[in-house]
Amino acid sequence: MKKITIILILFALVLTACQSLGAKAKEEANEEITKITPTPGQAALDVEAEPMIVFQRSGGFAGITEQWSIYAYGKITKDTGEELSVDPAQVTALLEAIQAAGFFDMKASSGIGKLSNCKDCYTYQLTVNSAEKANTITVQQGAKDIPETFWNVIKQINDLIAGPTKQ
């Protein structure tokens, strides 16, 4: 009984520490996000434009689910309502990297990125819409049948959604 009590106390301490670190990281991230003040023309684009890229990440130790929508003109929105702005050239470069990775030739039905029983791994869902093509692929971190170029695209997206960094 003492062992179980000690284990429960240690577990509670670890969870408390993780929560404190998560709150601090979120606070720091919020300070770095550039808020967008849309112009009247951009507001019209928001109503009519569809995101070029929708990126969702779920799982991990904390069991999170996050989604970002990336627009051609540089606006990025998170499912929490947070917004940031990047240079549209960065979005264009990302779309070119996605094309070069052969993303539009990947077929979800071919078993690519088969999900496993990995409890702490992230699952990524990437939907890309271009003028000519659209595709959605869901993969799990650590899947062996995913080309390295695809993981490079995931890294580029993670870098882009991280927002501006302090110089």
N, C-alpha and C. Protein backbone atom coordinates (compact mmCIF):
# COMPACT_ATOMS: atom_id res chain seq x y z
N MET A 1 0.82 -1.19 0.00
CA MET A 1 0.00 0.00 0.00
C MET A 1 0.86 1.25 0.00
N LYS A 2 1.99 1.21 0.76
CA LYS A 2 2.88 2.37 0.79
C LYS A 2 3.48 2.63 -0.59
N LYS A 3 3.82 1.56 -1.32
CA LYS A 3 4.41 1.71 -2.65
C LYS A 3 3.42 2.40 -3.59
N ILE A 4 2.18 2.01 -3.53
CA ILE A 4 1.17 2.61 -4.41
C ILE A 4 0.99 4.09 -4.06
N THR A 5 0.97 4.42 -2.79
CA THR A 5 0.83 5.81 -2.36
C THR A 5 2.01 6.64 -2.85
N ILE A 6 3.22 6.10 -2.71
CA ILE A 6 4.42 6.81 -3.17
C ILE A 6 4.38 7.02 -4.68
N ILE A 7 3.98 5.99 -5.41
CA ILE A 7 3.89 6.08 -6.87
C ILE A 7 2.86 7.13 -7.27
N LEU A 8 1.71 7.17 -6.61
CA LEU A 8 0.69 8.15 -6.92
C LEU A 8 1.16 9.57 -6.62
N ILE A 9 1.90 9.75 -5.53
CA ILE A 9 2.44 11.07 -5.20
C ILE A 9 3.44 11.51 -6.25
N LEU A 10 4.34 10.60 -6.66
CA LEU A 10 5.33 10.93 -7.69
C LEU A 10 4.65 11.26 -9.01
N PHE A 11 3.64 10.50 -9.35
CA PHE A 11 2.91 10.76 -10.59
C PHE A 11 2.25 12.13 -10.55
N ALA A 12 1.66 12.49 -9.42
CA ALA A 12 1.02 13.80 -9.28
C ALA A 12 2.05 14.92 -9.41
N LEU A 13 3.25 14.72 -8.85
CA LEU A 13 4.31 15.71 -8.96
C LEU A 13 4.74 15.90 -10.41
N VAL A 14 4.87 14.80 -11.14
CA VAL A 14 5.28 14.87 -12.55
C VAL A 14 4.22 15.61 -13.36
N LEU A 15 2.96 15.30 -13.14
CA LEU A 15 1.88 15.98 -13.87
C LEU A 15 1.85 17.46 -13.55
N THR A 16 2.07 17.81 -12.30
CA THR A 16 2.09 19.22 -11.91
C THR A 16 3.23 19.95 -12.59
N ALA A 17 4.40 19.32 -12.65
CA ALA A 17 5.57 19.93 -13.31
C ALA A 17 5.30 20.12 -14.80
N CYS A 18 4.70 19.10 -15.44
CA CYS A 18 4.39 19.20 -16.87
C CYS A 18 3.40 20.32 -17.14
N GLN A 19 2.40 20.45 -16.27
CA GLN A 19 1.39 21.49 -16.45
C GLN A 19 2.02 22.87 -16.33
N SER A 20 2.95 23.03 -15.37
CA SER A 20 3.61 24.32 -15.19
C SER A 20 4.45 24.67 -16.40
N LEU A 21 5.19 23.68 -16.92
CA LEU A 21 6.01 23.93 -18.11
C LEU A 21 5.14 24.24 -19.32
N GLY A 22 4.03 23.54 -19.47
CA GLY A 22 3.13 23.78 -20.59
C GLY A 22 2.52 25.16 -20.55
N ALA A 23 2.14 25.63 -19.36
CA ALA A 23 1.56 26.96 -19.22
C ALA A 23 2.60 28.03 -19.55
N LYS A 24 3.84 27.82 -19.10
CA LYS A 24 4.91 28.79 -19.38
C LYS A 24 5.19 28.83 -20.88
N ALA A 25 5.27 27.67 -21.53
CA ALA A 25 5.54 27.63 -22.97
C ALA A 25 4.42 28.30 -23.75
N LYS A 26 3.17 28.07 -23.34
CA LYS A 26 2.05 28.68 -24.03
C LYS A 26 2.09 30.20 -23.87
N GLU A 27 2.44 30.67 -22.67
CA GLU A 27 2.53 32.11 -22.44
C GLU A 27 3.61 32.73 -23.31
N GLU A 28 4.78 32.06 -23.41
CA GLU A 28 5.86 32.57 -24.24
C GLU A 28 5.46 32.57 -25.71
N ALA A 29 4.77 31.53 -26.15
CA ALA A 29 4.34 31.45 -27.54
C ALA A 29 3.35 32.55 -27.86
N ASN A 30 2.43 32.82 -26.94
CA ASN A 30 1.45 33.87 -27.16
C ASN A 30 2.10 35.24 -27.31
N GLU A 31 3.22 35.46 -26.61
CA GLU A 31 3.92 36.74 -26.72
C GLU A 31 4.53 36.92 -28.10
N GLU A 32 4.88 35.79 -28.77
CA GLU A 32 5.58 35.88 -30.03
C GLU A 32 4.65 35.89 -31.24
N ILE A 33 3.39 35.62 -31.05
CA ILE A 33 2.47 35.55 -32.18
C ILE A 33 2.11 36.96 -32.63
N THR A 34 2.23 37.20 -33.90
CA THR A 34 1.88 38.50 -34.47
C THR A 34 0.40 38.49 -34.78
N LYS A 35 -0.33 39.40 -34.18
CA LYS A 35 -1.76 39.50 -34.43
C LYS A 35 -1.99 40.22 -35.76
N ILE A 36 -3.00 39.78 -36.47
CA ILE A 36 -3.33 40.35 -37.77
C ILE A 36 -4.48 41.34 -37.60
N THR A 37 -4.34 42.51 -38.17
CA THR A 37 -5.44 43.46 -38.27
C THR A 37 -5.81 43.51 -39.74
N PRO A 38 -6.87 42.80 -40.12
CA PRO A 38 -7.18 42.71 -41.54
C PRO A 38 -7.62 44.05 -42.12
N THR A 39 -7.19 44.28 -43.35
CA THR A 39 -7.65 45.43 -44.10
C THR A 39 -9.01 45.05 -44.69
N PRO A 40 -9.80 46.02 -45.14
CA PRO A 40 -11.10 45.66 -45.73
C PRO A 40 -10.96 44.65 -46.87
N GLY A 41 -9.93 44.80 -47.70
CA GLY A 41 -9.72 43.85 -48.80
C GLY A 41 -9.38 42.46 -48.28
N GLN A 42 -8.58 42.40 -47.23
CA GLN A 42 -8.20 41.11 -46.67
C GLN A 42 -9.39 40.46 -45.99
N ALA A 43 -10.24 41.25 -45.34
CA ALA A 43 -11.42 40.70 -44.70
C ALA A 43 -12.30 40.01 -45.74
N ALA A 44 -12.40 40.60 -46.92
CA ALA A 44 -13.18 39.96 -48.00
C ALA A 44 -12.52 38.66 -48.42
N LEU A 45 -11.18 38.63 -48.46
CA LEU A 45 -10.47 37.39 -48.80
C LEU A 45 -10.76 36.31 -47.77
N ASP A 46 -10.81 36.68 -46.48
CA ASP A 46 -11.06 35.71 -45.43
C ASP A 46 -12.39 35.00 -45.62
N VAL A 47 -13.39 35.74 -46.06
CA VAL A 47 -14.72 35.17 -46.24
C VAL A 47 -14.73 34.22 -47.43
N GLU A 48 -14.05 34.59 -48.50
CA GLU A 48 -14.12 33.83 -49.74
C GLU A 48 -13.02 32.77 -49.87
N ALA A 49 -11.85 33.03 -49.33
CA ALA A 49 -10.71 32.16 -49.56
C ALA A 49 -10.76 30.91 -48.69
N GLU A 50 -10.32 29.84 -49.27
CA GLU A 50 -10.17 28.59 -48.55
C GLU A 50 -8.69 28.42 -48.20
N PRO A 51 -8.40 27.77 -47.10
CA PRO A 51 -6.98 27.55 -46.78
C PRO A 51 -6.34 26.63 -47.82
N MET A 52 -5.09 26.92 -48.13
CA MET A 52 -4.33 26.07 -49.05
C MET A 52 -3.89 24.79 -48.33
N ILE A 53 -3.58 24.94 -47.04
CA ILE A 53 -3.06 23.83 -46.25
C ILE A 53 -3.81 23.79 -44.93
N VAL A 54 -4.27 22.59 -44.55
CA VAL A 54 -4.83 22.37 -43.23
C VAL A 54 -3.99 21.27 -42.60
N PHE A 55 -3.39 21.61 -41.47
CA PHE A 55 -2.46 20.71 -40.78
C PHE A 55 -2.99 20.41 -39.39
N GLN A 56 -3.13 19.13 -39.09
CA GLN A 56 -3.61 18.73 -37.77
C GLN A 56 -2.59 17.80 -37.14
N ARG A 57 -2.34 18.04 -35.86
CA ARG A 57 -1.41 17.19 -35.09
C ARG A 57 -2.17 16.76 -33.84
N SER A 58 -2.17 15.45 -33.58
CA SER A 58 -2.85 14.96 -32.39
C SER A 58 -2.04 13.84 -31.77
N GLY A 59 -2.26 13.64 -30.47
CA GLY A 59 -1.59 12.57 -29.75
C GLY A 59 -0.48 13.09 -28.87
N GLY A 60 0.60 12.33 -28.83
CA GLY A 60 1.70 12.67 -27.95
C GLY A 60 1.37 12.29 -26.51
N PHE A 61 2.31 12.52 -25.61
CA PHE A 61 2.14 12.17 -24.20
C PHE A 61 0.92 12.86 -23.60
N ALA A 62 0.70 14.11 -23.98
CA ALA A 62 -0.39 14.89 -23.40
C ALA A 62 -1.74 14.67 -24.10
N GLY A 63 -1.73 13.96 -25.22
CA GLY A 63 -2.99 13.70 -25.93
C GLY A 63 -3.62 14.96 -26.50
N ILE A 64 -2.81 15.82 -27.10
CA ILE A 64 -3.29 17.09 -27.64
C ILE A 64 -3.91 16.91 -29.02
N THR A 65 -4.73 17.86 -29.41
CA THR A 65 -5.20 17.96 -30.80
C THR A 65 -5.13 19.43 -31.18
N GLU A 66 -4.38 19.73 -32.23
CA GLU A 66 -4.20 21.09 -32.71
C GLU A 66 -4.40 21.11 -34.21
N GLN A 67 -4.96 22.21 -34.71
CA GLN A 67 -5.16 22.33 -36.16
C GLN A 67 -4.84 23.76 -36.59
N TRP A 68 -4.14 23.85 -37.72
CA TRP A 68 -3.79 25.14 -38.32
C TRP A 68 -4.30 25.17 -39.75
N SER A 69 -4.78 26.34 -40.16
CA SER A 69 -5.17 26.58 -41.55
C SER A 69 -4.23 27.64 -42.10
N ILE A 70 -3.60 27.33 -43.23
CA ILE A 70 -2.60 28.21 -43.81
C ILE A 70 -3.14 28.71 -45.16
N TYR A 71 -3.20 30.04 -45.29
CA TYR A 71 -3.76 30.67 -46.48
C TYR A 71 -2.63 31.17 -47.39
N ALA A 72 -2.91 31.24 -48.68
CA ALA A 72 -1.90 31.62 -49.67
C ALA A 72 -1.33 33.01 -49.40
N TYR A 73 -2.12 33.92 -48.85
CA TYR A 73 -1.65 35.28 -48.64
C TYR A 73 -0.90 35.47 -47.31
N GLY A 74 -0.61 34.34 -46.60
CA GLY A 74 0.25 34.40 -45.42
C GLY A 74 -0.45 34.35 -44.09
N LYS A 75 -1.75 34.29 -44.07
CA LYS A 75 -2.48 34.20 -42.80
C LYS A 75 -2.47 32.74 -42.33
N ILE A 76 -2.23 32.56 -41.03
CA ILE A 76 -2.30 31.23 -40.42
C ILE A 76 -3.24 31.35 -39.22
N THR A 77 -4.24 30.48 -39.17
CA THR A 77 -5.15 30.47 -38.03
C THR A 77 -5.06 29.13 -37.33
N LYS A 78 -5.12 29.19 -36.02
CA LYS A 78 -5.12 27.98 -35.20
C LYS A 78 -6.55 27.73 -34.75
N ASP A 79 -6.88 26.48 -34.47
CA ASP A 79 -8.24 26.14 -34.07
C ASP A 79 -8.69 26.85 -32.80
N THR A 80 -7.77 27.42 -32.04
CA THR A 80 -8.11 28.17 -30.83
C THR A 80 -8.52 29.60 -31.14
N GLY A 81 -8.39 30.01 -32.41
CA GLY A 81 -8.70 31.38 -32.80
C GLY A 81 -7.48 32.27 -32.93
N GLU A 82 -6.32 31.78 -32.49
CA GLU A 82 -5.10 32.56 -32.61
C GLU A 82 -4.75 32.72 -34.09
N GLU A 83 -4.18 33.87 -34.44
CA GLU A 83 -3.78 34.13 -35.81
C GLU A 83 -2.37 34.68 -35.84
N LEU A 84 -1.68 34.38 -36.91
CA LEU A 84 -0.39 35.00 -37.17
C LEU A 84 -0.25 35.20 -38.65
N SER A 85 0.72 36.01 -39.01
CA SER A 85 0.93 36.35 -40.41
C SER A 85 2.36 36.04 -40.78
N VAL A 86 2.55 35.43 -41.94
CA VAL A 86 3.88 35.17 -42.47
C VAL A 86 3.94 35.75 -43.88
N ASP A 87 5.13 35.85 -44.40
CA ASP A 87 5.31 36.32 -45.76
C ASP A 87 4.67 35.31 -46.72
N PRO A 88 3.85 35.75 -47.65
CA PRO A 88 3.23 34.83 -48.61
C PRO A 88 4.26 33.98 -49.37
N ALA A 89 5.48 34.50 -49.52
CA ALA A 89 6.53 33.73 -50.20
C ALA A 89 6.87 32.47 -49.41
N GLN A 90 6.73 32.51 -48.08
CA GLN A 90 6.97 31.33 -47.27
C GLN A 90 5.92 30.25 -47.55
N VAL A 91 4.68 30.68 -47.74
CA VAL A 91 3.61 29.73 -48.07
C VAL A 91 3.86 29.14 -49.45
N THR A 92 4.26 29.98 -50.40
CA THR A 92 4.58 29.50 -51.75
C THR A 92 5.71 28.48 -51.71
N ALA A 93 6.76 28.77 -50.94
CA ALA A 93 7.89 27.84 -50.82
C ALA A 93 7.45 26.53 -50.19
N LEU A 94 6.57 26.60 -49.20
CA LEU A 94 6.05 25.39 -48.57
C LEU A 94 5.24 24.56 -49.56
N LEU A 95 4.39 25.22 -50.35
CA LEU A 95 3.60 24.50 -51.36
C LEU A 95 4.51 23.85 -52.40
N GLU A 96 5.59 24.52 -52.78
CA GLU A 96 6.55 23.94 -53.72
C GLU A 96 7.23 22.72 -53.11
N ALA A 97 7.57 22.77 -51.82
CA ALA A 97 8.19 21.63 -51.14
C ALA A 97 7.22 20.45 -51.06
N ILE A 98 5.94 20.75 -50.82
CA ILE A 98 4.92 19.71 -50.77
C ILE A 98 4.78 19.04 -52.13
N GLN A 99 4.77 19.85 -53.19
CA GLN A 99 4.69 19.31 -54.55
C GLN A 99 5.91 18.44 -54.85
N ALA A 100 7.10 18.95 -54.50
CA ALA A 100 8.35 18.22 -54.77
C ALA A 100 8.43 16.91 -53.99
N ALA A 101 7.77 16.86 -52.82
CA ALA A 101 7.77 15.63 -52.00
C ALA A 101 6.87 14.55 -52.59
N GLY A 102 6.12 14.90 -53.64
CA GLY A 102 5.22 13.93 -54.26
C GLY A 102 3.93 13.74 -53.48
N PHE A 103 3.57 14.75 -52.71
CA PHE A 103 2.39 14.63 -51.85
C PHE A 103 1.13 14.31 -52.64
N PHE A 104 0.95 14.92 -53.79
CA PHE A 104 -0.28 14.72 -54.55
C PHE A 104 -0.34 13.33 -55.19
N ASP A 105 0.79 12.63 -55.23
CA ASP A 105 0.81 11.27 -55.76
C ASP A 105 0.60 10.22 -54.67
N MET A 106 0.67 10.63 -53.40
CA MET A 106 0.48 9.69 -52.29
C MET A 106 -1.01 9.38 -52.18
N LYS A 107 -1.30 8.14 -51.94
CA LYS A 107 -2.69 7.72 -51.82
C LYS A 107 -2.94 7.20 -50.41
N ALA A 108 -3.93 7.76 -49.76
CA ALA A 108 -4.27 7.33 -48.40
C ALA A 108 -4.69 5.87 -48.38
N SER A 109 -5.32 5.41 -49.44
CA SER A 109 -5.83 4.04 -49.48
C SER A 109 -4.73 3.00 -49.66
N SER A 110 -3.51 3.44 -49.97
CA SER A 110 -2.44 2.46 -50.19
C SER A 110 -1.81 1.98 -48.89
N GLY A 111 -2.34 2.41 -47.76
CA GLY A 111 -1.80 1.96 -46.47
C GLY A 111 -0.63 2.80 -46.01
N ILE A 112 -0.40 3.93 -46.65
CA ILE A 112 0.73 4.77 -46.27
C ILE A 112 0.55 5.26 -44.84
N GLY A 113 1.60 5.22 -44.07
CA GLY A 113 1.57 5.72 -42.70
C GLY A 113 0.64 4.94 -41.79
N LYS A 114 0.59 3.61 -41.95
CA LYS A 114 -0.30 2.80 -41.13
C LYS A 114 -0.14 3.17 -39.66
N LEU A 115 -1.28 3.29 -39.00
CA LEU A 115 -1.27 3.65 -37.60
C LEU A 115 -0.91 2.43 -36.76
N SER A 116 -0.17 2.65 -35.71
CA SER A 116 0.22 1.57 -34.82
C SER A 116 -0.36 1.83 -33.44
N ASN A 117 0.07 1.06 -32.49
CA ASN A 117 -0.42 1.22 -31.13
C ASN A 117 0.50 2.12 -30.32
N CYS A 118 1.27 2.94 -30.95
CA CYS A 118 2.17 3.85 -30.26
C CYS A 118 1.35 4.88 -29.49
N LYS A 119 1.45 4.86 -28.18
CA LYS A 119 0.62 5.74 -27.34
C LYS A 119 1.15 7.17 -27.27
N ASP A 120 2.47 7.37 -27.41
CA ASP A 120 3.05 8.70 -27.26
C ASP A 120 3.41 9.36 -28.59
N CYS A 121 3.07 8.71 -29.69
CA CYS A 121 3.40 9.26 -31.01
C CYS A 121 2.35 10.26 -31.45
N TYR A 122 2.77 11.17 -32.31
CA TYR A 122 1.83 12.10 -32.91
C TYR A 122 1.26 11.49 -34.18
N THR A 123 0.02 11.82 -34.46
CA THR A 123 -0.60 11.51 -35.73
C THR A 123 -0.79 12.83 -36.45
N TYR A 124 -0.36 12.88 -37.71
CA TYR A 124 -0.43 14.10 -38.51
C TYR A 124 -1.44 13.89 -39.64
N GLN A 125 -2.30 14.87 -39.83
CA GLN A 125 -3.20 14.86 -40.98
C GLN A 125 -2.91 16.13 -41.77
N LEU A 126 -2.57 15.95 -43.03
CA LEU A 126 -2.22 17.07 -43.89
C LEU A 126 -3.15 17.08 -45.09
N THR A 127 -3.86 18.19 -45.26
CA THR A 127 -4.72 18.39 -46.43
C THR A 127 -4.17 19.57 -47.19
N VAL A 128 -3.93 19.37 -48.49
CA VAL A 128 -3.40 20.44 -49.33
C VAL A 128 -4.33 20.61 -50.52
N ASN A 129 -4.70 21.86 -50.76
CA ASN A 129 -5.56 22.22 -51.89
C ASN A 129 -4.79 23.16 -52.80
N SER A 130 -4.59 22.75 -54.02
CA SER A 130 -4.01 23.67 -55.01
C SER A 130 -5.08 23.93 -56.05
N ALA A 131 -4.75 24.75 -57.02
CA ALA A 131 -5.73 25.07 -58.06
C ALA A 131 -6.15 23.82 -58.83
N GLU A 132 -5.21 22.89 -59.00
CA GLU A 132 -5.50 21.70 -59.82
C GLU A 132 -5.78 20.44 -59.02
N LYS A 133 -5.25 20.35 -57.79
CA LYS A 133 -5.30 19.09 -57.06
C LYS A 133 -5.63 19.33 -55.59
N ALA A 134 -6.08 18.26 -54.95
CA ALA A 134 -6.28 18.25 -53.50
C ALA A 134 -5.98 16.85 -53.00
N ASN A 135 -5.43 16.76 -51.80
CA ASN A 135 -5.13 15.46 -51.23
C ASN A 135 -5.06 15.58 -49.72
N THR A 136 -5.46 14.52 -49.05
CA THR A 136 -5.36 14.44 -47.59
C THR A 136 -4.65 13.14 -47.25
N ILE A 137 -3.63 13.24 -46.41
CA ILE A 137 -2.89 12.07 -45.96
C ILE A 137 -2.80 12.12 -44.44
N THR A 138 -3.03 10.98 -43.79
CA THR A 138 -2.87 10.85 -42.35
C THR A 138 -1.75 9.86 -42.09
N VAL A 139 -0.77 10.28 -41.30
CA VAL A 139 0.37 9.41 -40.98
C VAL A 139 0.67 9.50 -39.50
N GLN A 140 1.34 8.48 -39.01
CA GLN A 140 1.75 8.48 -37.62
C GLN A 140 3.26 8.60 -37.52
N GLN A 141 3.69 9.38 -36.55
CA GLN A 141 5.11 9.56 -36.29
C GLN A 141 5.76 8.19 -36.15
N GLY A 142 6.89 8.02 -36.80
CA GLY A 142 7.63 6.77 -36.72
C GLY A 142 7.23 5.74 -37.76
N ALA A 143 6.22 6.04 -38.58
CA ALA A 143 5.83 5.10 -39.63
C ALA A 143 7.00 4.89 -40.58
N LYS A 144 7.27 3.67 -40.93
CA LYS A 144 8.45 3.33 -41.73
C LYS A 144 8.26 3.52 -43.22
N ASP A 145 7.03 3.58 -43.70
CA ASP A 145 6.78 3.61 -45.13
C ASP A 145 6.56 5.03 -45.68
N ILE A 146 6.97 6.04 -44.94
CA ILE A 146 6.79 7.43 -45.36
C ILE A 146 8.13 7.95 -45.89
N PRO A 147 8.14 8.57 -47.07
CA PRO A 147 9.39 9.11 -47.60
C PRO A 147 9.94 10.23 -46.70
N GLU A 148 11.25 10.32 -46.64
CA GLU A 148 11.91 11.35 -45.83
C GLU A 148 11.48 12.75 -46.28
N THR A 149 11.20 12.92 -47.57
CA THR A 149 10.76 14.23 -48.05
C THR A 149 9.46 14.67 -47.40
N PHE A 150 8.58 13.69 -47.10
CA PHE A 150 7.32 14.03 -46.42
C PHE A 150 7.60 14.53 -45.01
N TRP A 151 8.51 13.87 -44.29
CA TRP A 151 8.85 14.31 -42.93
C TRP A 151 9.52 15.68 -42.96
N ASN A 152 10.25 15.97 -44.03
CA ASN A 152 10.83 17.31 -44.18
C ASN A 152 9.72 18.37 -44.34
N VAL A 153 8.65 18.02 -45.05
CA VAL A 153 7.51 18.93 -45.19
C VAL A 153 6.86 19.18 -43.83
N ILE A 154 6.69 18.12 -43.04
CA ILE A 154 6.11 18.26 -41.71
C ILE A 154 6.98 19.19 -40.86
N LYS A 155 8.30 19.05 -40.97
CA LYS A 155 9.21 19.93 -40.23
C LYS A 155 9.05 21.38 -40.69
N GLN A 156 8.94 21.60 -42.01
CA GLN A 156 8.76 22.95 -42.53
C GLN A 156 7.45 23.57 -42.03
N ILE A 157 6.40 22.77 -41.98
CA ILE A 157 5.12 23.27 -41.47
C ILE A 157 5.25 23.63 -40.00
N ASN A 158 5.87 22.74 -39.22
CA ASN A 158 6.07 23.03 -37.79
C ASN A 158 6.87 24.31 -37.59
N ASP A 159 7.89 24.51 -38.42
CA ASP A 159 8.69 25.74 -38.33
C ASP A 159 7.85 26.97 -38.67
N LEU A 160 7.00 26.85 -39.69
CA LEU A 160 6.17 27.97 -40.13
C LEU A 160 5.13 28.35 -39.07
N ILE A 161 4.47 27.35 -38.49
CA ILE A 161 3.41 27.65 -37.52
C ILE A 161 3.97 28.06 -36.17
N ALA A 162 5.27 27.86 -35.97
CA ALA A 162 5.88 28.30 -34.72
C ALA A 162 5.86 29.81 -34.61
N GLY A 163 5.69 30.49 -35.74
CA GLY A 163 5.58 31.93 -35.74
C GLY A 163 6.93 32.61 -35.78
N PRO A 164 6.90 33.92 -35.73
CA PRO A 164 8.16 34.67 -35.80
C PRO A 164 9.01 34.40 -34.57
N THR A 165 10.31 34.35 -34.79
CA THR A 165 11.23 34.12 -33.68
C THR A 165 11.93 35.43 -33.35
N LYS A 166 12.39 35.52 -32.11
CA LYS A 166 13.11 36.72 -31.69
C LYS A 166 14.48 36.73 -32.35
N GLN A 167 14.87 37.87 -32.87
CA GLN A 167 16.15 38.00 -33.54
C GLN A 167 17.20 38.48 -32.57
